[in-house]
Each structure stands twice: as structure tokens, then as C-alpha cells.
Amino acid sequence: MCKKILVLDDDLAILDALGDVLEYGGYDVCKLSRGDEIFEQIEDYHPDLILLDVMLADRDGREICKQIKLDENHEISNIPVIMISATHDLSKVLNQRGAPDDFVAKPFDIDNLLNKIELQLAA
């Protein structure tokens, strides 16, 4: 059974490109462009990993990540989250409470991103 990846980015070109690359890599992909839909999609789609942009038009990706990671019921807190950012260096916050499991900087190297995804899914 192929792994499910939920991708949230408000840049539709990046969203489509990521979706194509991940589907070509054998992943089942759910693409979202609005942050207000993510928790409903997590419940419906049951992703194995989430790729999440830091800066969204309607929500702060870092706050979404914190909500996921600090889920009191632990129903979604174990889902690996990789943040995507063009402007923020997230390496300093990776070990903080509510932080993403990893991050990639835009523009990103596809091979590096795929390696990070594989590492998180194997953990």
C-alpha cells in the first residue's frame, strides 16, 4: 500500500509540481491550497506525512504545525510534518515543542526533499 502525503501550499504552481513529483515517486497525494481545510482533510485522508508551507494566505503554517504536534488526544500528533519555507530558517526550532519534524528551504532540491520524506516515513 502506498504512503499518503498531504501537501498544503497556497502557491498553486508549487502545489502542482510537488503533487506531480510525489505521485511519480509512488505516493498517494492529497493537495490543499487553504489552511482552513487541513484538519478536516487529516481526519478524512489519514496522511502518513504532511508537507506544509510556512506562509499561507489564510493561516500561519507554524501555528497549524503546533496544533498538529500538540494534539492532546494524540490522534494526529504522531504524523510527521515537514515544513517548506522560502523565508524562515527553521533549523533552530526543530527540537522545540510543537515544531515540525524537518524542513526544506525554497527553492528546494527534489532529491533532498524525497530523502527527507523517506527518512520521516521510515522513522
PDB file of N, CA and C in Angstrom:
ATOM      1  N   MET A   1       0.847  -1.184   0.000  1.00  0.00           N
ATOM      2  CA  MET A   1       0.000   0.000   0.000  1.00  0.00           C
ATOM      3  C   MET A   1       0.890   1.243   0.000  1.00  0.00           C
ATOM      4  N   CYS A   2       0.613   2.187  -0.888  1.00  0.00           N
ATOM      5  CA  CYS A   2       1.470   3.370  -0.977  1.00  0.00           C
ATOM      6  C   CYS A   2       1.156   4.345   0.152  1.00  0.00           C
ATOM      7  N   LYS A   3       2.178   5.081   0.541  1.00  0.00           N
ATOM      8  CA  LYS A   3       2.063   6.054   1.624  1.00  0.00           C
ATOM      9  C   LYS A   3       1.300   7.284   1.143  1.00  0.00           C
ATOM     10  N   LYS A   4       0.547   7.878   2.060  1.00  0.00           N
ATOM     11  CA  LYS A   4      -0.260   9.055   1.754  1.00  0.00           C
ATOM     12  C   LYS A   4       0.437  10.311   2.259  1.00  0.00           C
ATOM     13  N   ILE A   5       0.545  11.299   1.375  1.00  0.00           N
ATOM     14  CA  ILE A   5       1.149  12.575   1.740  1.00  0.00           C
ATOM     15  C   ILE A   5       0.151  13.690   1.472  1.00  0.00           C
ATOM     16  N   LEU A   6      -0.098  14.487   2.504  1.00  0.00           N
ATOM     17  CA  LEU A   6      -0.951  15.659   2.377  1.00  0.00           C
ATOM     18  C   LEU A   6      -0.035  16.858   2.173  1.00  0.00           C
ATOM     19  N   VAL A   7      -0.245  17.601   1.097  1.00  0.00           N
ATOM     20  CA  VAL A   7       0.580  18.766   0.771  1.00  0.00           C
ATOM     21  C   VAL A   7      -0.282  20.016   0.878  1.00  0.00           C
ATOM     22  N   LEU A   8       0.188  20.988   1.664  1.00  0.00           N
ATOM     23  CA  LEU A   8      -0.532  22.253   1.820  1.00  0.00           C
ATOM     24  C   LEU A   8       0.389  23.398   1.446  1.00  0.00           C
ATOM     25  N   ASP A   9       0.054  24.074   0.337  1.00  0.00           N
ATOM     26  CA  ASP A   9       0.807  25.243  -0.126  1.00  0.00           C
ATOM     27  C   ASP A   9      -0.159  26.120  -0.908  1.00  0.00           C
ATOM     28  N   ASP A  10      -0.140  27.419  -0.644  1.00  0.00           N
ATOM     29  CA  ASP A  10      -1.069  28.308  -1.350  1.00  0.00           C
ATOM     30  C   ASP A  10      -0.549  28.743  -2.716  1.00  0.00           C
ATOM     31  N   ASP A  11       0.688  28.397  -3.041  1.00  0.00           N
ATOM     32  CA  ASP A  11       1.243  28.654  -4.372  1.00  0.00           C
ATOM     33  C   ASP A  11       0.868  27.458  -5.250  1.00  0.00           C
ATOM     34  N   LEU A  12      -0.094  27.659  -6.136  1.00  0.00           N
ATOM     35  CA  LEU A  12      -0.627  26.546  -6.917  1.00  0.00           C
ATOM     36  C   LEU A  12       0.403  25.901  -7.828  1.00  0.00           C
ATOM     37  N   ALA A  13       1.367  26.672  -8.327  1.00  0.00           N
ATOM     38  CA  ALA A  13       2.416  26.102  -9.174  1.00  0.00           C
ATOM     39  C   ALA A  13       3.273  25.128  -8.369  1.00  0.00           C
ATOM     40  N   ILE A  14       3.643  25.524  -7.157  1.00  0.00           N
ATOM     41  CA  ILE A  14       4.433  24.639  -6.295  1.00  0.00           C
ATOM     42  C   ILE A  14       3.597  23.437  -5.872  1.00  0.00           C
ATOM     43  N   LEU A  15       2.346  23.671  -5.539  1.00  0.00           N
ATOM     44  CA  LEU A  15       1.452  22.589  -5.134  1.00  0.00           C
ATOM     45  C   LEU A  15       1.334  21.534  -6.230  1.00  0.00           C
ATOM     46  N   ASP A  16       1.120  21.982  -7.465  1.00  0.00           N
ATOM     47  CA  ASP A  16       1.010  21.046  -8.586  1.00  0.00           C
ATOM     48  C   ASP A  16       2.328  20.331  -8.856  1.00  0.00           C
ATOM     49  N   ALA A  17       3.440  21.065  -8.800  1.00  0.00           N
ATOM     50  CA  ALA A  17       4.749  20.455  -9.046  1.00  0.00           C
ATOM     51  C   ALA A  17       5.062  19.403  -7.985  1.00  0.00           C
ATOM     52  N   LEU A  18       4.826  19.736  -6.728  1.00  0.00           N
ATOM     53  CA  LEU A  18       5.060  18.764  -5.654  1.00  0.00           C
ATOM     54  C   LEU A  18       4.168  17.544  -5.825  1.00  0.00           C
ATOM     55  N   GLY A  19       2.913  17.778  -6.146  1.00  0.00           N
ATOM     56  CA  GLY A  19       1.994  16.667  -6.360  1.00  0.00           C
ATOM     57  C   GLY A  19       2.469  15.742  -7.463  1.00  0.00           C
ATOM     58  N   ASP A  20       2.911  16.317  -8.574  1.00  0.00           N
ATOM     59  CA  ASP A  20       3.398  15.510  -9.697  1.00  0.00           C
ATOM     60  C   ASP A  20       4.625  14.696  -9.314  1.00  0.00           C
ATOM     61  N   VAL A  21       5.584  15.337  -8.645  1.00  0.00           N
ATOM     62  CA  VAL A  21       6.822  14.652  -8.251  1.00  0.00           C
ATOM     63  C   VAL A  21       6.518  13.510  -7.283  1.00  0.00           C
ATOM     64  N   LEU A  22       5.670  13.781  -6.311  1.00  0.00           N
ATOM     65  CA  LEU A  22       5.355  12.761  -5.311  1.00  0.00           C
ATOM     66  C   LEU A  22       4.560  11.604  -5.910  1.00  0.00           C
ATOM     67  N   GLU A  23       3.612  11.913  -6.780  1.00  0.00           N
ATOM     68  CA  GLU A  23       2.854  10.849  -7.440  1.00  0.00           C
ATOM     69  C   GLU A  23       3.767  10.011  -8.325  1.00  0.00           C
ATOM     70  N   TYR A  24       4.689  10.649  -9.029  1.00  0.00           N
ATOM     71  CA  TYR A  24       5.660   9.923  -9.848  1.00  0.00           C
ATOM     72  C   TYR A  24       6.529   9.026  -8.960  1.00  0.00           C
ATOM     73  N   GLY A  25       6.794   9.481  -7.742  1.00  0.00           N
ATOM     74  CA  GLY A  25       7.585   8.696  -6.792  1.00  0.00           C
ATOM     75  C   GLY A  25       6.801   7.577  -6.116  1.00  0.00           C
ATOM     76  N   GLY A  26       5.529   7.430  -6.461  1.00  0.00           N
ATOM     77  CA  GLY A  26       4.741   6.323  -5.945  1.00  0.00           C
ATOM     78  C   GLY A  26       3.897   6.637  -4.727  1.00  0.00           C
ATOM     79  N   TYR A  27       3.784   7.905  -4.372  1.00  0.00           N
ATOM     80  CA  TYR A  27       2.978   8.298  -3.215  1.00  0.00           C
ATOM     81  C   TYR A  27       1.558   8.657  -3.638  1.00  0.00           C
ATOM     82  N   ASP A  28       0.629   8.435  -2.738  1.00  0.00           N
ATOM     83  CA  ASP A  28      -0.741   8.901  -2.895  1.00  0.00           C
ATOM     84  C   ASP A  28      -0.751  10.320  -2.328  1.00  0.00           C
ATOM     85  N   VAL A  29      -1.215  11.297  -3.104  1.00  0.00           N
ATOM     86  CA  VAL A  29      -1.091  12.700  -2.713  1.00  0.00           C
ATOM     87  C   VAL A  29      -2.458  13.377  -2.631  1.00  0.00           C
ATOM     88  N   CYS A  30      -2.646  14.127  -1.559  1.00  0.00           N
ATOM     89  CA  CYS A  30      -3.807  14.999  -1.394  1.00  0.00           C
ATOM     90  C   CYS A  30      -3.266  16.420  -1.337  1.00  0.00           C
ATOM     91  N   LYS A  31      -3.739  17.298  -2.233  1.00  0.00           N
ATOM     92  CA  LYS A  31      -3.230  18.671  -2.311  1.00  0.00           C
ATOM     93  C   LYS A  31      -4.271  19.649  -1.784  1.00  0.00           C
ATOM     94  N   LEU A  32      -3.798  20.564  -0.935  1.00  0.00           N
ATOM     95  CA  LEU A  32      -4.648  21.625  -0.395  1.00  0.00           C
ATOM     96  C   LEU A  32      -3.979  22.968  -0.610  1.00  0.00           C
ATOM     97  N   SER A  33      -4.784  23.987  -0.877  1.00  0.00           N
ATOM     98  CA  SER A  33      -4.234  25.334  -1.024  1.00  0.00           C
ATOM     99  C   SER A  33      -4.705  26.273   0.086  1.00  0.00           C
ATOM    100  N   ARG A  34      -5.582  25.773   0.958  1.00  0.00           N
ATOM    101  CA  ARG A  34      -6.119  26.605   2.051  1.00  0.00           C
ATOM    102  C   ARG A  34      -5.907  25.906   3.391  1.00  0.00           C
ATOM    103  N   GLY A  35      -5.367  26.664   4.336  1.00  0.00           N
ATOM    104  CA  GLY A  35      -5.084  26.113   5.649  1.00  0.00           C
ATOM    105  C   GLY A  35      -6.312  25.755   6.456  1.00  0.00           C
ATOM    106  N   ASP A  36      -7.429  26.421   6.180  1.00  0.00           N
ATOM    107  CA  ASP A  36      -8.625  26.158   6.981  1.00  0.00           C
ATOM    108  C   ASP A  36      -9.249  24.795   6.685  1.00  0.00           C
ATOM    109  N   GLU A  37      -8.744  24.091   5.673  1.00  0.00           N
ATOM    110  CA  GLU A  37      -9.275  22.779   5.311  1.00  0.00           C
ATOM    111  C   GLU A  37      -8.455  21.627   5.875  1.00  0.00           C
ATOM    112  N   ILE A  38      -7.303  21.930   6.475  1.00  0.00           N
ATOM    113  CA  ILE A  38      -6.348  20.861   6.766  1.00  0.00           C
ATOM    114  C   ILE A  38      -6.840  19.850   7.797  1.00  0.00           C
ATOM    115  N   PHE A  39      -7.469  20.288   8.859  1.00  0.00           N
ATOM    116  CA  PHE A  39      -7.844  19.332   9.904  1.00  0.00           C
ATOM    117  C   PHE A  39      -8.967  18.400   9.457  1.00  0.00           C
ATOM    118  N   GLU A  40      -9.866  18.911   8.645  1.00  0.00           N
ATOM    119  CA  GLU A  40     -10.896  18.048   8.066  1.00  0.00           C
ATOM    120  C   GLU A  40     -10.256  17.021   7.134  1.00  0.00           C
ATOM    121  N   GLN A  41      -9.282  17.455   6.342  1.00  0.00           N
ATOM    122  CA  GLN A  41      -8.607  16.536   5.423  1.00  0.00           C
ATOM    123  C   GLN A  41      -7.758  15.509   6.168  1.00  0.00           C
ATOM    124  N   ILE A  42      -7.127  15.922   7.260  1.00  0.00           N
ATOM    125  CA  ILE A  42      -6.357  14.957   8.057  1.00  0.00           C
ATOM    126  C   ILE A  42      -7.289  13.854   8.552  1.00  0.00           C
ATOM    127  N   GLU A  43      -8.462  14.243   9.017  1.00  0.00           N
ATOM    128  CA  GLU A  43      -9.432  13.270   9.526  1.00  0.00           C
ATOM    129  C   GLU A  43      -9.944  12.352   8.415  1.00  0.00           C
ATOM    130  N   ASP A  44     -10.206  12.910   7.236  1.00  0.00           N
ATOM    131  CA  ASP A  44     -10.756  12.122   6.126  1.00  0.00           C
ATOM    132  C   ASP A  44      -9.696  11.298   5.395  1.00  0.00           C
ATOM    133  N   TYR A  45      -8.518  11.865   5.210  1.00  0.00           N
ATOM    134  CA  TYR A  45      -7.484  11.280   4.344  1.00  0.00           C
ATOM    135  C   TYR A  45      -6.509  10.383   5.110  1.00  0.00           C
ATOM    136  N   HIS A  46      -6.294  10.639   6.387  1.00  0.00           N
ATOM    137  CA  HIS A  46      -5.356   9.890   7.223  1.00  0.00           C
ATOM    138  C   HIS A  46      -3.954   9.841   6.604  1.00  0.00           C
ATOM    139  N   PRO A  47      -3.312  11.003   6.450  1.00  0.00           N
ATOM    140  CA  PRO A  47      -1.994  11.021   5.802  1.00  0.00           C
ATOM    141  C   PRO A  47      -0.915  10.371   6.667  1.00  0.00           C
ATOM    142  N   ASP A  48       0.093   9.837   5.985  1.00  0.00           N
ATOM    143  CA  ASP A  48       1.271   9.292   6.668  1.00  0.00           C
ATOM    144  C   ASP A  48       2.302  10.381   6.912  1.00  0.00           C
ATOM    145  N   LEU A  49       2.195  11.492   6.172  1.00  0.00           N
ATOM    146  CA  LEU A  49       3.132  12.612   6.291  1.00  0.00           C
ATOM    147  C   LEU A  49       2.450  13.860   5.753  1.00  0.00           C
ATOM    148  N   ILE A  50       2.843  15.013   6.311  1.00  0.00           N
ATOM    149  CA  ILE A  50       2.296  16.292   5.859  1.00  0.00           C
ATOM    150  C   ILE A  50       3.439  17.200   5.430  1.00  0.00           C
ATOM    151  N   LEU A  51       3.337  17.749   4.216  1.00  0.00           N
ATOM    152  CA  LEU A  51       4.236  18.807   3.743  1.00  0.00           C
ATOM    153  C   LEU A  51       3.457  20.100   3.877  1.00  0.00           C
ATOM    154  N   LEU A  52       4.016  21.058   4.610  1.00  0.00           N
ATOM    155  CA  LEU A  52       3.260  22.239   4.999  1.00  0.00           C
ATOM    156  C   LEU A  52       4.077  23.503   4.778  1.00  0.00           C
ATOM    157  N   ASP A  53       3.540  24.424   3.986  1.00  0.00           N
ATOM    158  CA  ASP A  53       4.202  25.706   3.751  1.00  0.00           C
ATOM    159  C   ASP A  53       4.087  26.576   5.001  1.00  0.00           C
ATOM    160  N   VAL A  54       5.136  27.333   5.290  1.00  0.00           N
ATOM    161  CA  VAL A  54       5.140  28.204   6.468  1.00  0.00           C
ATOM    162  C   VAL A  54       4.171  29.361   6.293  1.00  0.00           C
ATOM    163  N   MET A  55       4.247  30.027   5.154  1.00  0.00           N
ATOM    164  CA  MET A  55       3.435  31.230   4.938  1.00  0.00           C
ATOM    165  C   MET A  55       2.286  30.926   3.988  1.00  0.00           C
ATOM    166  N   LEU A  56       1.103  30.883   4.551  1.00  0.00           N
ATOM    167  CA  LEU A  56      -0.102  30.649   3.769  1.00  0.00           C
ATOM    168  C   LEU A  56      -0.923  31.928   3.730  1.00  0.00           C
ATOM    169  N   ALA A  57      -1.781  32.038   2.740  1.00  0.00           N
ATOM    170  CA  ALA A  57      -2.596  33.246   2.609  1.00  0.00           C
ATOM    171  C   ALA A  57      -3.592  33.385   3.758  1.00  0.00           C
ATOM    172  N   ASP A  58      -4.130  32.260   4.232  1.00  0.00           N
ATOM    173  CA  ASP A  58      -5.198  32.334   5.226  1.00  0.00           C
ATOM    174  C   ASP A  58      -4.798  31.916   6.637  1.00  0.00           C
ATOM    175  N   ARG A  59      -3.635  31.276   6.801  1.00  0.00           N
ATOM    176  CA  ARG A  59      -3.202  30.826   8.132  1.00  0.00           C
ATOM    177  C   ARG A  59      -1.687  30.789   8.193  1.00  0.00           C
ATOM    178  N   ASP A  60      -1.162  30.784   9.396  1.00  0.00           N
ATOM    179  CA  ASP A  60       0.269  30.640   9.627  1.00  0.00           C
ATOM    180  C   ASP A  60       0.574  29.148   9.717  1.00  0.00           C
ATOM    181  N   GLY A  61       1.413  28.663   8.811  1.00  0.00           N
ATOM    182  CA  GLY A  61       1.748  27.247   8.792  1.00  0.00           C
ATOM    183  C   GLY A  61       2.384  26.762  10.084  1.00  0.00           C
ATOM    184  N   ARG A  62       3.131  27.636  10.752  1.00  0.00           N
ATOM    185  CA  ARG A  62       3.755  27.247  12.025  1.00  0.00           C
ATOM    186  C   ARG A  62       2.702  26.973  13.092  1.00  0.00           C
ATOM    187  N   GLU A  63       1.628  27.743  13.076  1.00  0.00           N
ATOM    188  CA  GLU A  63       0.544  27.515  14.041  1.00  0.00           C
ATOM    189  C   GLU A  63      -0.201  26.220  13.734  1.00  0.00           C
ATOM    190  N   ILE A  64      -0.388  25.936  12.456  1.00  0.00           N
ATOM    191  CA  ILE A  64      -1.014  24.666  12.068  1.00  0.00           C
ATOM    192  C   ILE A  64      -0.152  23.511  12.557  1.00  0.00           C
ATOM    193  N   CYS A  65       1.161  23.617  12.348  1.00  0.00           N
ATOM    194  CA  CYS A  65       2.081  22.572  12.787  1.00  0.00           C
ATOM    195  C   CYS A  65       1.981  22.367  14.298  1.00  0.00           C
ATOM    196  N   LYS A  66       1.954  23.447  15.046  1.00  0.00           N
ATOM    197  CA  LYS A  66       1.836  23.337  16.510  1.00  0.00           C
ATOM    198  C   LYS A  66       0.543  22.633  16.904  1.00  0.00           C
ATOM    199  N   GLN A  67      -0.550  22.968  16.234  1.00  0.00           N
ATOM    200  CA  GLN A  67      -1.826  22.316  16.541  1.00  0.00           C
ATOM    201  C   GLN A  67      -1.750  20.818  16.284  1.00  0.00           C
ATOM    202  N   ILE A  68      -1.075  20.443  15.213  1.00  0.00           N
ATOM    203  CA  ILE A  68      -0.925  19.020  14.892  1.00  0.00           C
ATOM    204  C   ILE A  68      -0.057  18.341  15.945  1.00  0.00           C
ATOM    205  N   LYS A  69       1.103  18.906  16.205  1.00  0.00           N
ATOM    206  CA  LYS A  69       2.086  18.276  17.086  1.00  0.00           C
ATOM    207  C   LYS A  69       1.678  18.279  18.554  1.00  0.00           C
ATOM    208  N   LEU A  70       0.843  19.228  18.953  1.00  0.00           N
ATOM    209  CA  LEU A  70       0.429  19.312  20.354  1.00  0.00           C
ATOM    210  C   LEU A  70      -0.990  18.795  20.570  1.00  0.00           C
ATOM    211  N   ASP A  71      -1.479  17.987  19.634  1.00  0.00           N
ATOM    212  CA  ASP A  71      -2.813  17.407  19.739  1.00  0.00           C
ATOM    213  C   ASP A  71      -2.938  16.637  21.052  1.00  0.00           C
ATOM    214  N   GLU A  72      -3.844  17.075  21.907  1.00  0.00           N
ATOM    215  CA  GLU A  72      -3.991  16.483  23.242  1.00  0.00           C
ATOM    216  C   GLU A  72      -4.465  15.033  23.205  1.00  0.00           C
ATOM    217  N   ASN A  73      -5.194  14.658  22.191  1.00  0.00           N
ATOM    218  CA  ASN A  73      -5.686  13.284  22.083  1.00  0.00           C
ATOM    219  C   ASN A  73      -4.676  12.353  21.421  1.00  0.00           C
ATOM    220  N   HIS A  74      -3.585  12.908  20.936  1.00  0.00           N
ATOM    221  CA  HIS A  74      -2.512  12.154  20.271  1.00  0.00           C
ATOM    222  C   HIS A  74      -3.008  11.384  19.050  1.00  0.00           C
ATOM    223  N   GLU A  75      -4.099  11.851  18.473  1.00  0.00           N
ATOM    224  CA  GLU A  75      -4.616  11.193  17.281  1.00  0.00           C
ATOM    225  C   GLU A  75      -3.836  11.598  16.038  1.00  0.00           C
ATOM    226  N   ILE A  76      -3.312  12.826  16.029  1.00  0.00           N
ATOM    227  CA  ILE A  76      -2.590  13.297  14.845  1.00  0.00           C
ATOM    228  C   ILE A  76      -1.175  13.762  15.158  1.00  0.00           C
ATOM    229  N   SER A  77      -0.815  13.811  16.424  1.00  0.00           N
ATOM    230  CA  SER A  77       0.499  14.354  16.795  1.00  0.00           C
ATOM    231  C   SER A  77       1.663  13.498  16.320  1.00  0.00           C
ATOM    232  N   ASN A  78       1.399  12.242  15.988  1.00  0.00           N
ATOM    233  CA  ASN A  78       2.470  11.362  15.522  1.00  0.00           C
ATOM    234  C   ASN A  78       2.696  11.442  14.013  1.00  0.00           C
ATOM    235  N   ILE A  79       1.897  12.212  13.298  1.00  0.00           N
ATOM    236  CA  ILE A  79       2.090  12.362  11.848  1.00  0.00           C
ATOM    237  C   ILE A  79       3.312  13.249  11.609  1.00  0.00           C
ATOM    238  N   PRO A  80       4.308  12.759  10.865  1.00  0.00           N
ATOM    239  CA  PRO A  80       5.471  13.605  10.575  1.00  0.00           C
ATOM    240  C   PRO A  80       5.064  14.826   9.747  1.00  0.00           C
ATOM    241  N   VAL A  81       5.629  15.977  10.118  1.00  0.00           N
ATOM    242  CA  VAL A  81       5.375  17.225   9.401  1.00  0.00           C
ATOM    243  C   VAL A  81       6.703  17.775   8.910  1.00  0.00           C
ATOM    244  N   ILE A  82       6.780  18.033   7.617  1.00  0.00           N
ATOM    245  CA  ILE A  82       7.935  18.708   7.025  1.00  0.00           C
ATOM    246  C   ILE A  82       7.450  20.070   6.559  1.00  0.00           C
ATOM    247  N   MET A  83       8.046  21.114   7.108  1.00  0.00           N
ATOM    248  CA  MET A  83       7.686  22.485   6.733  1.00  0.00           C
ATOM    249  C   MET A  83       8.506  22.909   5.518  1.00  0.00           C
ATOM    250  N   ILE A  84       7.888  23.747   4.687  1.00  0.00           N
ATOM    251  CA  ILE A  84       8.525  24.303   3.498  1.00  0.00           C
ATOM    252  C   ILE A  84       8.555  25.813   3.669  1.00  0.00           C
ATOM    253  N   SER A  85       9.734  26.416   3.489  1.00  0.00           N
ATOM    254  CA  SER A  85       9.830  27.862   3.694  1.00  0.00           C
ATOM    255  C   SER A  85      10.826  28.509   2.748  1.00  0.00           C
ATOM    256  N   ALA A  86      10.438  29.664   2.233  1.00  0.00           N
ATOM    257  CA  ALA A  86      11.347  30.468   1.413  1.00  0.00           C
ATOM    258  C   ALA A  86      12.031  31.532   2.250  1.00  0.00           C
ATOM    259  N   THR A  87      11.460  31.848   3.405  1.00  0.00           N
ATOM    260  CA  THR A  87      11.966  32.988   4.171  1.00  0.00           C
ATOM    261  C   THR A  87      12.398  32.670   5.594  1.00  0.00           C
ATOM    262  N   HIS A  88      12.034  31.537   6.128  1.00  0.00           N
ATOM    263  CA  HIS A  88      12.332  31.228   7.526  1.00  0.00           C
ATOM    264  C   HIS A  88      13.344  30.091   7.634  1.00  0.00           C
ATOM    265  N   ASP A  89      14.339  30.260   8.504  1.00  0.00           N
ATOM    266  CA  ASP A  89      15.266  29.182   8.817  1.00  0.00           C
ATOM    267  C   ASP A  89      14.695  28.446  10.020  1.00  0.00           C
ATOM    268  N   LEU A  90      14.168  27.276   9.782  1.00  0.00           N
ATOM    269  CA  LEU A  90      13.501  26.526  10.841  1.00  0.00           C
ATOM    270  C   LEU A  90      14.431  25.575  11.577  1.00  0.00           C
ATOM    271  N   SER A  91      15.697  25.528  11.194  1.00  0.00           N
ATOM    272  CA  SER A  91      16.620  24.588  11.829  1.00  0.00           C
ATOM    273  C   SER A  91      16.768  24.849  13.321  1.00  0.00           C
ATOM    274  N   LYS A  92      16.582  26.087  13.742  1.00  0.00           N
ATOM    275  CA  LYS A  92      16.749  26.444  15.155  1.00  0.00           C
ATOM    276  C   LYS A  92      15.580  25.990  16.023  1.00  0.00           C
ATOM    277  N   VAL A  93      14.457  25.683  15.423  1.00  0.00           N
ATOM    278  CA  VAL A  93      13.276  25.330  16.214  1.00  0.00           C
ATOM    279  C   VAL A  93      12.886  23.858  16.112  1.00  0.00           C
ATOM    280  N   LEU A  94      13.659  23.059  15.397  1.00  0.00           N
ATOM    281  CA  LEU A  94      13.266  21.673  15.160  1.00  0.00           C
ATOM    282  C   LEU A  94      13.085  20.859  16.438  1.00  0.00           C
ATOM    283  N   ASN A  95      13.807  21.169  17.486  1.00  0.00           N
ATOM    284  CA  ASN A  95      13.707  20.387  18.719  1.00  0.00           C
ATOM    285  C   ASN A  95      12.775  21.000  19.752  1.00  0.00           C
ATOM    286  N   GLN A  96      12.090  22.061  19.385  1.00  0.00           N
ATOM    287  CA  GLN A  96      11.168  22.696  20.321  1.00  0.00           C
ATOM    288  C   GLN A  96       9.816  21.988  20.306  1.00  0.00           C
ATOM    289  N   ARG A  97       9.093  22.161  21.377  1.00  0.00           N
ATOM    290  CA  ARG A  97       7.762  21.565  21.496  1.00  0.00           C
ATOM    291  C   ARG A  97       6.845  22.141  20.406  1.00  0.00           C
ATOM    292  N   GLY A  98       6.168  21.266  19.695  1.00  0.00           N
ATOM    293  CA  GLY A  98       5.251  21.703  18.648  1.00  0.00           C
ATOM    294  C   GLY A  98       5.916  22.006  17.320  1.00  0.00           C
ATOM    295  N   ALA A  99       7.207  21.702  17.217  1.00  0.00           N
ATOM    296  CA  ALA A  99       7.968  22.003  15.999  1.00  0.00           C
ATOM    297  C   ALA A  99       7.765  20.919  14.943  1.00  0.00           C
ATOM    298  N   PRO A 100       8.067  21.262  13.693  1.00  0.00           N
ATOM    299  CA  PRO A 100       7.998  20.244  12.640  1.00  0.00           C
ATOM    300  C   PRO A 100       9.091  19.195  12.841  1.00  0.00           C
ATOM    301  N   ASP A 101       8.945  18.079  12.169  1.00  0.00           N
ATOM    302  CA  ASP A 101       9.946  17.016  12.249  1.00  0.00           C
ATOM    303  C   ASP A 101      11.157  17.337  11.393  1.00  0.00           C
ATOM    304  N   ASP A 102      10.951  18.123  10.347  1.00  0.00           N
ATOM    305  CA  ASP A 102      12.052  18.536   9.468  1.00  0.00           C
ATOM    306  C   ASP A 102      11.566  19.722   8.649  1.00  0.00           C
ATOM    307  N   PHE A 103      12.463  20.287   7.852  1.00  0.00           N
ATOM    308  CA  PHE A 103      12.076  21.393   6.987  1.00  0.00           C
ATOM    309  C   PHE A 103      12.930  21.374   5.733  1.00  0.00           C
ATOM    310  N   VAL A 104      12.418  22.023   4.692  1.00  0.00           N
ATOM    311  CA  VAL A 104      13.173  22.253   3.461  1.00  0.00           C
ATOM    312  C   VAL A 104      12.991  23.711   3.079  1.00  0.00           C
ATOM    313  N   ALA A 105      14.039  24.273   2.513  1.00  0.00           N
ATOM    314  CA  ALA A 105      14.004  25.670   2.088  1.00  0.00           C
ATOM    315  C   ALA A 105      13.661  25.744   0.603  1.00  0.00           C
ATOM    316  N   LYS A 106      12.857  26.742   0.250  1.00  0.00           N
ATOM    317  CA  LYS A 106      12.570  27.022  -1.162  1.00  0.00           C
ATOM    318  C   LYS A 106      13.667  27.930  -1.694  1.00  0.00           C
ATOM    319  N   PRO A 107      14.091  27.785  -2.903  1.00  0.00           N
ATOM    320  CA  PRO A 107      13.754  26.678  -3.802  1.00  0.00           C
ATOM    321  C   PRO A 107      14.408  25.399  -3.296  1.00  0.00           C
ATOM    322  N   PHE A 108      13.717  24.296  -3.381  1.00  0.00           N
ATOM    323  CA  PHE A 108      14.245  23.065  -2.814  1.00  0.00           C
ATOM    324  C   PHE A 108      14.741  22.121  -3.892  1.00  0.00           C
ATOM    325  N   ASP A 109      15.683  21.302  -3.473  1.00  0.00           N
ATOM    326  CA  ASP A 109      16.223  20.243  -4.312  1.00  0.00           C
ATOM    327  C   ASP A 109      15.285  19.039  -4.158  1.00  0.00           C
ATOM    328  N   ILE A 110      14.750  18.555  -5.250  1.00  0.00           N
ATOM    329  CA  ILE A 110      13.771  17.468  -5.209  1.00  0.00           C
ATOM    330  C   ILE A 110      14.345  16.220  -4.555  1.00  0.00           C
ATOM    331  N   ASP A 111      15.586  15.863  -4.896  1.00  0.00           N
ATOM    332  CA  ASP A 111      16.187  14.667  -4.299  1.00  0.00           C
ATOM    333  C   ASP A 111      16.312  14.811  -2.790  1.00  0.00           C
ATOM    334  N   ASN A 112      16.700  15.998  -2.323  1.00  0.00           N
ATOM    335  CA  ASN A 112      16.806  16.249  -0.886  1.00  0.00           C
ATOM    336  C   ASN A 112      15.434  16.123  -0.221  1.00  0.00           C
ATOM    337  N   LEU A 113      14.417  16.698  -0.843  1.00  0.00           N
ATOM    338  CA  LEU A 113      13.062  16.606  -0.299  1.00  0.00           C
ATOM    339  C   LEU A 113      12.606  15.150  -0.227  1.00  0.00           C
ATOM    340  N   LEU A 114      12.811  14.397  -1.291  1.00  0.00           N
ATOM    341  CA  LEU A 114      12.401  12.988  -1.300  1.00  0.00           C
ATOM    342  C   LEU A 114      13.146  12.186  -0.243  1.00  0.00           C
ATOM    343  N   ASN A 115      14.428  12.488  -0.041  1.00  0.00           N
ATOM    344  CA  ASN A 115      15.197  11.810   1.010  1.00  0.00           C
ATOM    345  C   ASN A 115      14.624  12.114   2.387  1.00  0.00           C
ATOM    346  N   LYS A 116      14.281  13.378   2.627  1.00  0.00           N
ATOM    347  CA  LYS A 116      13.706  13.758   3.923  1.00  0.00           C
ATOM    348  C   LYS A 116      12.356  13.074   4.142  1.00  0.00           C
ATOM    349  N   ILE A 117      11.570  12.979   3.092  1.00  0.00           N
ATOM    350  CA  ILE A 117      10.277  12.294   3.190  1.00  0.00           C
ATOM    351  C   ILE A 117      10.487  10.825   3.542  1.00  0.00           C
ATOM    352  N   GLU A 118      11.404  10.176   2.829  1.00  0.00           N
ATOM    353  CA  GLU A 118      11.672   8.759   3.088  1.00  0.00           C
ATOM    354  C   GLU A 118      12.164   8.532   4.509  1.00  0.00           C
ATOM    355  N   LEU A 119      13.033   9.420   5.000  1.00  0.00           N
ATOM    356  CA  LEU A 119      13.532   9.296   6.377  1.00  0.00           C
ATOM    357  C   LEU A 119      12.401   9.423   7.393  1.00  0.00           C
ATOM    358  N   GLN A 120      11.514  10.372   7.191  1.00  0.00           N
ATOM    359  CA  GLN A 120      10.410  10.566   8.126  1.00  0.00           C
ATOM    360  C   GLN A 120       9.425   9.396   8.082  1.00  0.00           C
ATOM    361  N   LEU A 121       9.176   8.872   6.905  1.00  0.00           N
ATOM    362  CA  LEU A 121       8.241   7.756   6.793  1.00  0.00           C
ATOM    363  C   LEU A 121       8.821   6.469   7.369  1.00  0.00           C
ATOM    364  N   ALA A 122      10.140   6.354   7.362  1.00  0.00           N
ATOM    365  CA  ALA A 122      10.799   5.165   7.902  1.00  0.00           C
ATOM    366  C   ALA A 122      10.946   5.219   9.420  1.00  0.00           C
ATOM    367  N   ALA A 123      10.825   6.421   9.988  1.00  0.00           N
ATOM    368  CA  ALA A 123      11.050   6.586  11.442  1.00  0.00           C
ATOM    369  C   ALA A 123       9.943   5.949  12.257  1.00  0.00           C
TER     370      ALA A 123
END
